[in-house]
Amino acid sequence: MNDVDRFADSLLGQRTPEPFRPDDDQVAQMRAAIELQAARLGADDAVPDADFVARL
């Protein structure tokens, strides 16, 4: 399992992901995972915390 896989797994489990330094491709994958998780929650206000996204 790679870093992005662990990140997505943490999101699905609603756990805090372990920090790592993503490259540009990984950042894009992580953003997609965040958007998918927000959509999965099914609420318009189900967006990630702005501080969390800023730390990415």
C-alpha atoms as a PDB file:
ATOM      1  CA  MET A   1       0.000   0.000   0.000  1.00  0.00           C
ATOM      2  CA  ASN A   2       1.470   3.379  -0.985  1.00  0.00           C
ATOM      3  CA  ASP A   3       1.119   6.725   0.801  1.00  0.00           C
ATOM      4  CA  VAL A   4      -1.901   7.854  -1.210  1.00  0.00           C
ATOM      5  CA  ASP A   5      -3.624   4.509  -0.642  1.00  0.00           C
ATOM      6  CA  ARG A   6      -3.071   4.896   3.107  1.00  0.00           C
ATOM      7  CA  PHE A   7      -4.377   8.469   2.894  1.00  0.00           C
ATOM      8  CA  ALA A   8      -7.561   7.353   1.109  1.00  0.00           C
ATOM      9  CA  ASP A   9      -8.006   4.446   3.519  1.00  0.00           C
ATOM     10  CA  SER A  10      -7.790   6.870   6.428  1.00  0.00           C
ATOM     11  CA  LEU A  11     -10.403   9.122   4.835  1.00  0.00           C
ATOM     12  CA  LEU A  12     -12.762   6.211   4.329  1.00  0.00           C
ATOM     13  CA  GLY A  13     -12.271   5.188   7.946  1.00  0.00           C
ATOM     14  CA  GLN A  14     -12.714   8.794   9.090  1.00  0.00           C
ATOM     15  CA  ARG A  15      -9.253   8.712  10.685  1.00  0.00           C
ATOM     16  CA  THR A  16      -6.520  11.325  10.563  1.00  0.00           C
ATOM     17  CA  PRO A  17      -4.078  10.382   7.787  1.00  0.00           C
ATOM     18  CA  GLU A  18      -0.399   9.933   8.552  1.00  0.00           C
ATOM     19  CA  PRO A  19       1.610  12.870   7.226  1.00  0.00           C
ATOM     20  CA  PHE A  20       3.893  12.514   4.209  1.00  0.00           C
ATOM     21  CA  ARG A  21       5.322  14.784   1.504  1.00  0.00           C
ATOM     22  CA  PRO A  22       3.297  14.186  -1.649  1.00  0.00           C
ATOM     23  CA  ASP A  23       4.521  15.007  -5.116  1.00  0.00           C
ATOM     24  CA  ASP A  24       2.270  16.904  -7.547  1.00  0.00           C
ATOM     25  CA  ASP A  25       0.604  13.754  -8.877  1.00  0.00           C
ATOM     26  CA  GLN A  26      -0.099  12.519  -5.368  1.00  0.00           C
ATOM     27  CA  VAL A  27      -1.603  15.887  -4.417  1.00  0.00           C
ATOM     28  CA  ALA A  28      -4.031  15.582  -7.332  1.00  0.00           C
ATOM     29  CA  GLN A  29      -4.949  12.050  -6.253  1.00  0.00           C
ATOM     30  CA  MET A  30      -5.450  13.170  -2.659  1.00  0.00           C
ATOM     31  CA  ARG A  31      -7.695  16.045  -3.719  1.00  0.00           C
ATOM     32  CA  ALA A  32      -9.782  13.639  -5.773  1.00  0.00           C
ATOM     33  CA  ALA A  33     -10.067  11.334  -2.752  1.00  0.00           C
ATOM     34  CA  ILE A  34     -11.197  14.260  -0.592  1.00  0.00           C
ATOM     35  CA  GLU A  35     -13.835  15.275  -3.135  1.00  0.00           C
ATOM     36  CA  LEU A  36     -15.088  11.708  -3.475  1.00  0.00           C
ATOM     37  CA  GLN A  37     -15.302  11.307   0.292  1.00  0.00           C
ATOM     38  CA  ALA A  38     -17.238  14.562   0.579  1.00  0.00           C
ATOM     39  CA  ALA A  39     -19.651  13.385  -2.126  1.00  0.00           C
ATOM     40  CA  ARG A  40     -19.947  10.012  -0.417  1.00  0.00           C
ATOM     41  CA  LEU A  41     -21.111  11.694   2.765  1.00  0.00           C
ATOM     42  CA  GLY A  42     -23.945  13.093   0.677  1.00  0.00           C
ATOM     43  CA  ALA A  43     -24.206  16.541   2.223  1.00  0.00           C
ATOM     44  CA  ASP A  44     -23.603  19.878   0.549  1.00  0.00           C
ATOM     45  CA  ASP A  45     -21.692  21.022   3.609  1.00  0.00           C
ATOM     46  CA  ALA A  46     -19.607  17.838   3.762  1.00  0.00           C
ATOM     47  CA  VAL A  47     -16.377  19.464   2.693  1.00  0.00           C
ATOM     48  CA  PRO A  48     -12.987  18.948   4.278  1.00  0.00           C
ATOM     49  CA  ASP A  49     -11.838  21.401   6.900  1.00  0.00           C
ATOM     50  CA  ALA A  50      -9.957  24.300   5.252  1.00  0.00           C
ATOM     51  CA  ASP A  51      -7.035  23.919   7.681  1.00  0.00           C
ATOM     52  CA  PHE A  52      -6.777  20.245   6.779  1.00  0.00           C
ATOM     53  CA  VAL A  53      -6.641  21.014   3.062  1.00  0.00           C
ATOM     54  CA  ALA A  54      -4.109  23.797   3.616  1.00  0.00           C
ATOM     55  CA  ARG A  55      -1.791  21.358   5.396  1.00  0.00           C
ATOM     56  CA  LEU A  56      -1.813  19.082   2.350  1.00  0.00           C
END
